[in-house]
Amino acid sequence: MWEDPIVRETRNAREELLERFGYDLDALCEYLEQVGKRVGKEAVTLPPRRPAVATRKVS
């Protein structure tokens, strides 16, 4: 089966980062926040949205 090299590279990078932080997502997120601040980028946090209510006609 054909494997996309960009997808493979992305998955490998993800695995390396997770392994580096012992699969601790809190530690990984803290690291990524620090990197973002160091390069002058901030995470965008949007307010929560309520899902649209689906309306269905009942016969």
PDB file of N, CA and C in Angstrom:
ATOM      1  N   MET A   1       0.840  -1.179   0.000  1.00  0.00           N
ATOM      2  CA  MET A   1       0.000   0.000   0.000  1.00  0.00           C
ATOM      3  C   MET A   1       0.888   1.246   0.000  1.00  0.00           C
ATOM      4  N   TRP A   2       0.512   2.240  -0.781  1.00  0.00           N
ATOM      5  CA  TRP A   2       1.272   3.474  -0.902  1.00  0.00           C
ATOM      6  C   TRP A   2       1.173   4.270   0.387  1.00  0.00           C
ATOM      7  N   GLU A   3       2.287   4.865   0.800  1.00  0.00           N
ATOM      8  CA  GLU A   3       2.321   5.663   2.014  1.00  0.00           C
ATOM      9  C   GLU A   3       2.792   7.068   1.666  1.00  0.00           C
ATOM     10  N   ASP A   4       2.023   8.063   2.069  1.00  0.00           N
ATOM     11  CA  ASP A   4       2.357   9.455   1.802  1.00  0.00           C
ATOM     12  C   ASP A   4       3.554   9.860   2.663  1.00  0.00           C
ATOM     13  N   PRO A   5       4.632  10.344   2.050  1.00  0.00           N
ATOM     14  CA  PRO A   5       5.823  10.691   2.831  1.00  0.00           C
ATOM     15  C   PRO A   5       5.591  11.853   3.801  1.00  0.00           C
ATOM     16  N   ILE A   6       4.710  12.792   3.462  1.00  0.00           N
ATOM     17  CA  ILE A   6       4.423  13.913   4.364  1.00  0.00           C
ATOM     18  C   ILE A   6       3.663  13.416   5.588  1.00  0.00           C
ATOM     19  N   VAL A   7       2.714  12.531   5.379  1.00  0.00           N
ATOM     20  CA  VAL A   7       1.965  11.958   6.506  1.00  0.00           C
ATOM     21  C   VAL A   7       2.903  11.151   7.389  1.00  0.00           C
ATOM     22  N   ARG A   8       3.782  10.377   6.789  1.00  0.00           N
ATOM     23  CA  ARG A   8       4.744   9.579   7.553  1.00  0.00           C
ATOM     24  C   ARG A   8       5.644  10.483   8.391  1.00  0.00           C
ATOM     25  N   GLU A   9       6.141  11.564   7.780  1.00  0.00           N
ATOM     26  CA  GLU A   9       7.021  12.494   8.494  1.00  0.00           C
ATOM     27  C   GLU A   9       6.288  13.157   9.658  1.00  0.00           C
ATOM     28  N   THR A  10       5.037  13.542   9.438  1.00  0.00           N
ATOM     29  CA  THR A  10       4.236  14.169  10.486  1.00  0.00           C
ATOM     30  C   THR A  10       4.001  13.200  11.638  1.00  0.00           C
ATOM     31  N   ARG A  11       3.647  11.978  11.317  1.00  0.00           N
ATOM     32  CA  ARG A  11       3.410  10.971  12.359  1.00  0.00           C
ATOM     33  C   ARG A  11       4.685  10.658  13.131  1.00  0.00           C
ATOM     34  N   ASN A  12       5.817  10.593  12.436  1.00  0.00           N
ATOM     35  CA  ASN A  12       7.092  10.346  13.107  1.00  0.00           C
ATOM     36  C   ASN A  12       7.442  11.491  14.059  1.00  0.00           C
ATOM     37  N   ALA A  13       7.228  12.730  13.606  1.00  0.00           N
ATOM     38  CA  ALA A  13       7.507  13.892  14.452  1.00  0.00           C
ATOM     39  C   ALA A  13       6.616  13.875  15.689  1.00  0.00           C
ATOM     40  N   ARG A  14       5.358  13.535  15.507  1.00  0.00           N
ATOM     41  CA  ARG A  14       4.421  13.457  16.636  1.00  0.00           C
ATOM     42  C   ARG A  14       4.889  12.410  17.634  1.00  0.00           C
ATOM     43  N   GLU A  15       5.267  11.261  17.143  1.00  0.00           N
ATOM     44  CA  GLU A  15       5.707  10.176  18.011  1.00  0.00           C
ATOM     45  C   GLU A  15       6.977  10.562  18.770  1.00  0.00           C
ATOM     46  N   GLU A  16       7.901  11.225  18.086  1.00  0.00           N
ATOM     47  CA  GLU A  16       9.139  11.651  18.737  1.00  0.00           C
ATOM     48  C   GLU A  16       8.857  12.651  19.854  1.00  0.00           C
ATOM     49  N   LEU A  17       7.956  13.603  19.600  1.00  0.00           N
ATOM     50  CA  LEU A  17       7.604  14.578  20.642  1.00  0.00           C
ATOM     51  C   LEU A  17       6.933  13.895  21.823  1.00  0.00           C
ATOM     52  N   LEU A  18       5.988  13.023  21.548  1.00  0.00           N
ATOM     53  CA  LEU A  18       5.301  12.331  22.638  1.00  0.00           C
ATOM     54  C   LEU A  18       6.283  11.498  23.455  1.00  0.00           C
ATOM     55  N   GLU A  19       7.187  10.825  22.778  1.00  0.00           N
ATOM     56  CA  GLU A  19       8.182  10.006  23.471  1.00  0.00           C
ATOM     57  C   GLU A  19       9.103  10.878  24.324  1.00  0.00           C
ATOM     58  N   ARG A  20       9.475  12.030  23.780  1.00  0.00           N
ATOM     59  CA  ARG A  20      10.351  12.966  24.498  1.00  0.00           C
ATOM     60  C   ARG A  20       9.751  13.413  25.824  1.00  0.00           C
ATOM     61  N   PHE A  21       8.419  13.541  25.872  1.00  0.00           N
ATOM     62  CA  PHE A  21       7.738  13.996  27.076  1.00  0.00           C
ATOM     63  C   PHE A  21       7.061  12.852  27.823  1.00  0.00           C
ATOM     64  N   GLY A  22       7.478  11.637  27.542  1.00  0.00           N
ATOM     65  CA  GLY A  22       6.955  10.483  28.264  1.00  0.00           C
ATOM     66  C   GLY A  22       5.452  10.304  28.097  1.00  0.00           C
ATOM     67  N   TYR A  23       4.940  10.709  26.960  1.00  0.00           N
ATOM     68  CA  TYR A  23       3.511  10.603  26.639  1.00  0.00           C
ATOM     69  C   TYR A  23       2.647  11.390  27.633  1.00  0.00           C
ATOM     70  N   ASP A  24       3.246  12.425  28.260  1.00  0.00           N
ATOM     71  CA  ASP A  24       2.535  13.297  29.193  1.00  0.00           C
ATOM     72  C   ASP A  24       2.043  14.509  28.404  1.00  0.00           C
ATOM     73  N   LEU A  25       0.728  14.539  28.111  1.00  0.00           N
ATOM     74  CA  LEU A  25       0.182  15.607  27.280  1.00  0.00           C
ATOM     75  C   LEU A  25       0.281  16.966  27.948  1.00  0.00           C
ATOM     76  N   ASP A  26       0.167  17.019  29.279  1.00  0.00           N
ATOM     77  CA  ASP A  26       0.302  18.298  29.978  1.00  0.00           C
ATOM     78  C   ASP A  26       1.701  18.872  29.772  1.00  0.00           C
ATOM     79  N   ALA A  27       2.717  18.028  29.897  1.00  0.00           N
ATOM     80  CA  ALA A  27       4.096  18.478  29.699  1.00  0.00           C
ATOM     81  C   ALA A  27       4.316  18.914  28.256  1.00  0.00           C
ATOM     82  N   LEU A  28       3.774  18.178  27.317  1.00  0.00           N
ATOM     83  CA  LEU A  28       3.909  18.532  25.901  1.00  0.00           C
ATOM     84  C   LEU A  28       3.235  19.874  25.623  1.00  0.00           C
ATOM     85  N   CYS A  29       2.036  20.076  26.142  1.00  0.00           N
ATOM     86  CA  CYS A  29       1.320  21.342  25.924  1.00  0.00           C
ATOM     87  C   CYS A  29       2.085  22.511  26.536  1.00  0.00           C
ATOM     88  N   GLU A  30       2.643  22.330  27.717  1.00  0.00           N
ATOM     89  CA  GLU A  30       3.438  23.376  28.356  1.00  0.00           C
ATOM     90  C   GLU A  30       4.638  23.736  27.481  1.00  0.00           C
ATOM     91  N   TYR A  31       5.301  22.728  26.962  1.00  0.00           N
ATOM     92  CA  TYR A  31       6.446  22.951  26.072  1.00  0.00           C
ATOM     93  C   TYR A  31       6.012  23.732  24.832  1.00  0.00           C
ATOM     94  N   LEU A  32       4.919  23.336  24.222  1.00  0.00           N
ATOM     95  CA  LEU A  32       4.459  24.012  23.011  1.00  0.00           C
ATOM     96  C   LEU A  32       4.055  25.452  23.294  1.00  0.00           C
ATOM     97  N   GLU A  33       3.478  25.719  24.466  1.00  0.00           N
ATOM     98  CA  GLU A  33       3.148  27.099  24.851  1.00  0.00           C
ATOM     99  C   GLU A  33       4.422  27.922  24.989  1.00  0.00           C
ATOM    100  N   GLN A  34       5.443  27.353  25.607  1.00  0.00           N
ATOM    101  CA  GLN A  34       6.715  28.059  25.775  1.00  0.00           C
ATOM    102  C   GLN A  34       7.354  28.368  24.418  1.00  0.00           C
ATOM    103  N   VAL A  35       7.316  27.414  23.530  1.00  0.00           N
ATOM    104  CA  VAL A  35       7.869  27.623  22.189  1.00  0.00           C
ATOM    105  C   VAL A  35       7.091  28.729  21.477  1.00  0.00           C
ATOM    106  N   GLY A  36       5.779  28.707  21.600  1.00  0.00           N
ATOM    107  CA  GLY A  36       4.955  29.732  20.973  1.00  0.00           C
ATOM    108  C   GLY A  36       5.276  31.121  21.491  1.00  0.00           C
ATOM    109  N   LYS A  37       5.463  31.251  22.786  1.00  0.00           N
ATOM    110  CA  LYS A  37       5.808  32.549  23.370  1.00  0.00           C
ATOM    111  C   LYS A  37       7.187  32.998  22.909  1.00  0.00           C
ATOM    112  N   ARG A  38       8.115  32.062  22.818  1.00  0.00           N
ATOM    113  CA  ARG A  38       9.489  32.383  22.422  1.00  0.00           C
ATOM    114  C   ARG A  38       9.534  32.926  20.987  1.00  0.00           C
ATOM    115  N   VAL A  39       8.682  32.413  20.121  1.00  0.00           N
ATOM    116  CA  VAL A  39       8.679  32.877  18.734  1.00  0.00           C
ATOM    117  C   VAL A  39       7.624  33.957  18.482  1.00  0.00           C
ATOM    118  N   GLY A  40       6.947  34.382  19.547  1.00  0.00           N
ATOM    119  CA  GLY A  40       5.990  35.476  19.429  1.00  0.00           C
ATOM    120  C   GLY A  40       4.621  35.083  18.931  1.00  0.00           C
ATOM    121  N   LYS A  41       4.246  33.845  19.111  1.00  0.00           N
ATOM    122  CA  LYS A  41       2.926  33.378  18.679  1.00  0.00           C
ATOM    123  C   LYS A  41       2.106  32.996  19.905  1.00  0.00           C
ATOM    124  N   GLU A  42       0.834  33.281  19.858  1.00  0.00           N
ATOM    125  CA  GLU A  42      -0.051  32.888  20.945  1.00  0.00           C
ATOM    126  C   GLU A  42      -1.133  31.968  20.407  1.00  0.00           C
ATOM    127  N   ALA A  43      -1.572  31.077  21.259  1.00  0.00           N
ATOM    128  CA  ALA A  43      -2.662  30.182  20.873  1.00  0.00           C
ATOM    129  C   ALA A  43      -3.947  30.990  20.780  1.00  0.00           C
ATOM    130  N   VAL A  44      -4.763  30.667  19.841  1.00  0.00           N
ATOM    131  CA  VAL A  44      -6.053  31.323  19.682  1.00  0.00           C
ATOM    132  C   VAL A  44      -7.095  30.507  20.426  1.00  0.00           C
ATOM    133  N   THR A  45      -7.798  31.163  21.326  1.00  0.00           N
ATOM    134  CA  THR A  45      -8.858  30.495  22.073  1.00  0.00           C
ATOM    135  C   THR A  45     -10.173  31.178  21.725  1.00  0.00           C
ATOM    136  N   LEU A  46     -11.058  30.438  21.132  1.00  0.00           N
ATOM    137  CA  LEU A  46     -12.356  30.977  20.745  1.00  0.00           C
ATOM    138  C   LEU A  46     -13.399  30.583  21.778  1.00  0.00           C
ATOM    139  N   PRO A  47     -14.423  31.424  21.938  1.00  0.00           N
ATOM    140  CA  PRO A  47     -15.477  31.065  22.887  1.00  0.00           C
ATOM    141  C   PRO A  47     -16.242  29.843  22.374  1.00  0.00           C
ATOM    142  N   PRO A  48     -16.778  29.036  23.286  1.00  0.00           N
ATOM    143  CA  PRO A  48     -17.522  27.850  22.843  1.00  0.00           C
ATOM    144  C   PRO A  48     -18.790  28.255  22.093  1.00  0.00           C
ATOM    145  N   ARG A  49     -19.170  27.412  21.153  1.00  0.00           N
ATOM    146  CA  ARG A  49     -20.403  27.642  20.392  1.00  0.00           C
ATOM    147  C   ARG A  49     -21.365  26.504  20.658  1.00  0.00           C
ATOM    148  N   ARG A  50     -22.610  26.843  20.744  1.00  0.00           N
ATOM    149  CA  ARG A  50     -23.629  25.814  20.897  1.00  0.00           C
ATOM    150  C   ARG A  50     -23.899  25.211  19.525  1.00  0.00           C
ATOM    151  N   PRO A  51     -24.055  23.905  19.465  1.00  0.00           N
ATOM    152  CA  PRO A  51     -24.335  23.283  18.162  1.00  0.00           C
ATOM    153  C   PRO A  51     -25.703  23.715  17.641  1.00  0.00           C
ATOM    154  N   ALA A  52     -25.785  23.782  16.338  1.00  0.00           N
ATOM    155  CA  ALA A  52     -27.060  24.126  15.716  1.00  0.00           C
ATOM    156  C   ALA A  52     -28.055  23.012  15.992  1.00  0.00           C
ATOM    157  N   VAL A  53     -29.269  23.421  16.258  1.00  0.00           N
ATOM    158  CA  VAL A  53     -30.320  22.434  16.535  1.00  0.00           C
ATOM    159  C   VAL A  53     -30.878  21.965  15.192  1.00  0.00           C
ATOM    160  N   ALA A  54     -30.811  20.678  14.979  1.00  0.00           N
ATOM    161  CA  ALA A  54     -31.341  20.106  13.746  1.00  0.00           C
ATOM    162  C   ALA A  54     -32.854  19.994  13.867  1.00  0.00           C
ATOM    163  N   THR A  55     -33.539  20.466  12.875  1.00  0.00           N
ATOM    164  CA  THR A  55     -34.998  20.346  12.870  1.00  0.00           C
ATOM    165  C   THR A  55     -35.379  19.313  11.837  1.00  0.00           C
ATOM    166  N   ARG A  56     -36.308  18.478  12.202  1.00  0.00           N
ATOM    167  CA  ARG A  56     -36.728  17.401  11.321  1.00  0.00           C
ATOM    168  C   ARG A  56     -38.246  17.379  11.298  1.00  0.00           C
ATOM    169  N   LYS A  57     -38.782  17.298  10.106  1.00  0.00           N
ATOM    170  CA  LYS A  57     -40.235  17.219   9.973  1.00  0.00           C
ATOM    171  C   LYS A  57     -40.701  15.823  10.308  1.00  0.00           C
ATOM    172  N   VAL A  58     -41.694  15.735  11.146  1.00  0.00           N
ATOM    173  CA  VAL A  58     -42.257  14.443  11.517  1.00  0.00           C
ATOM    174  C   VAL A  58     -43.572  14.279  10.762  1.00  0.00           C
ATOM    175  N   SER A  59     -43.724  13.159  10.080  1.00  0.00           N
ATOM    176  CA  SER A  59     -44.959  12.932   9.302  1.00  0.00           C
ATOM    177  C   SER A  59     -45.988  12.222  10.109  1.00  0.00           C
TER     178      SER A  59
END
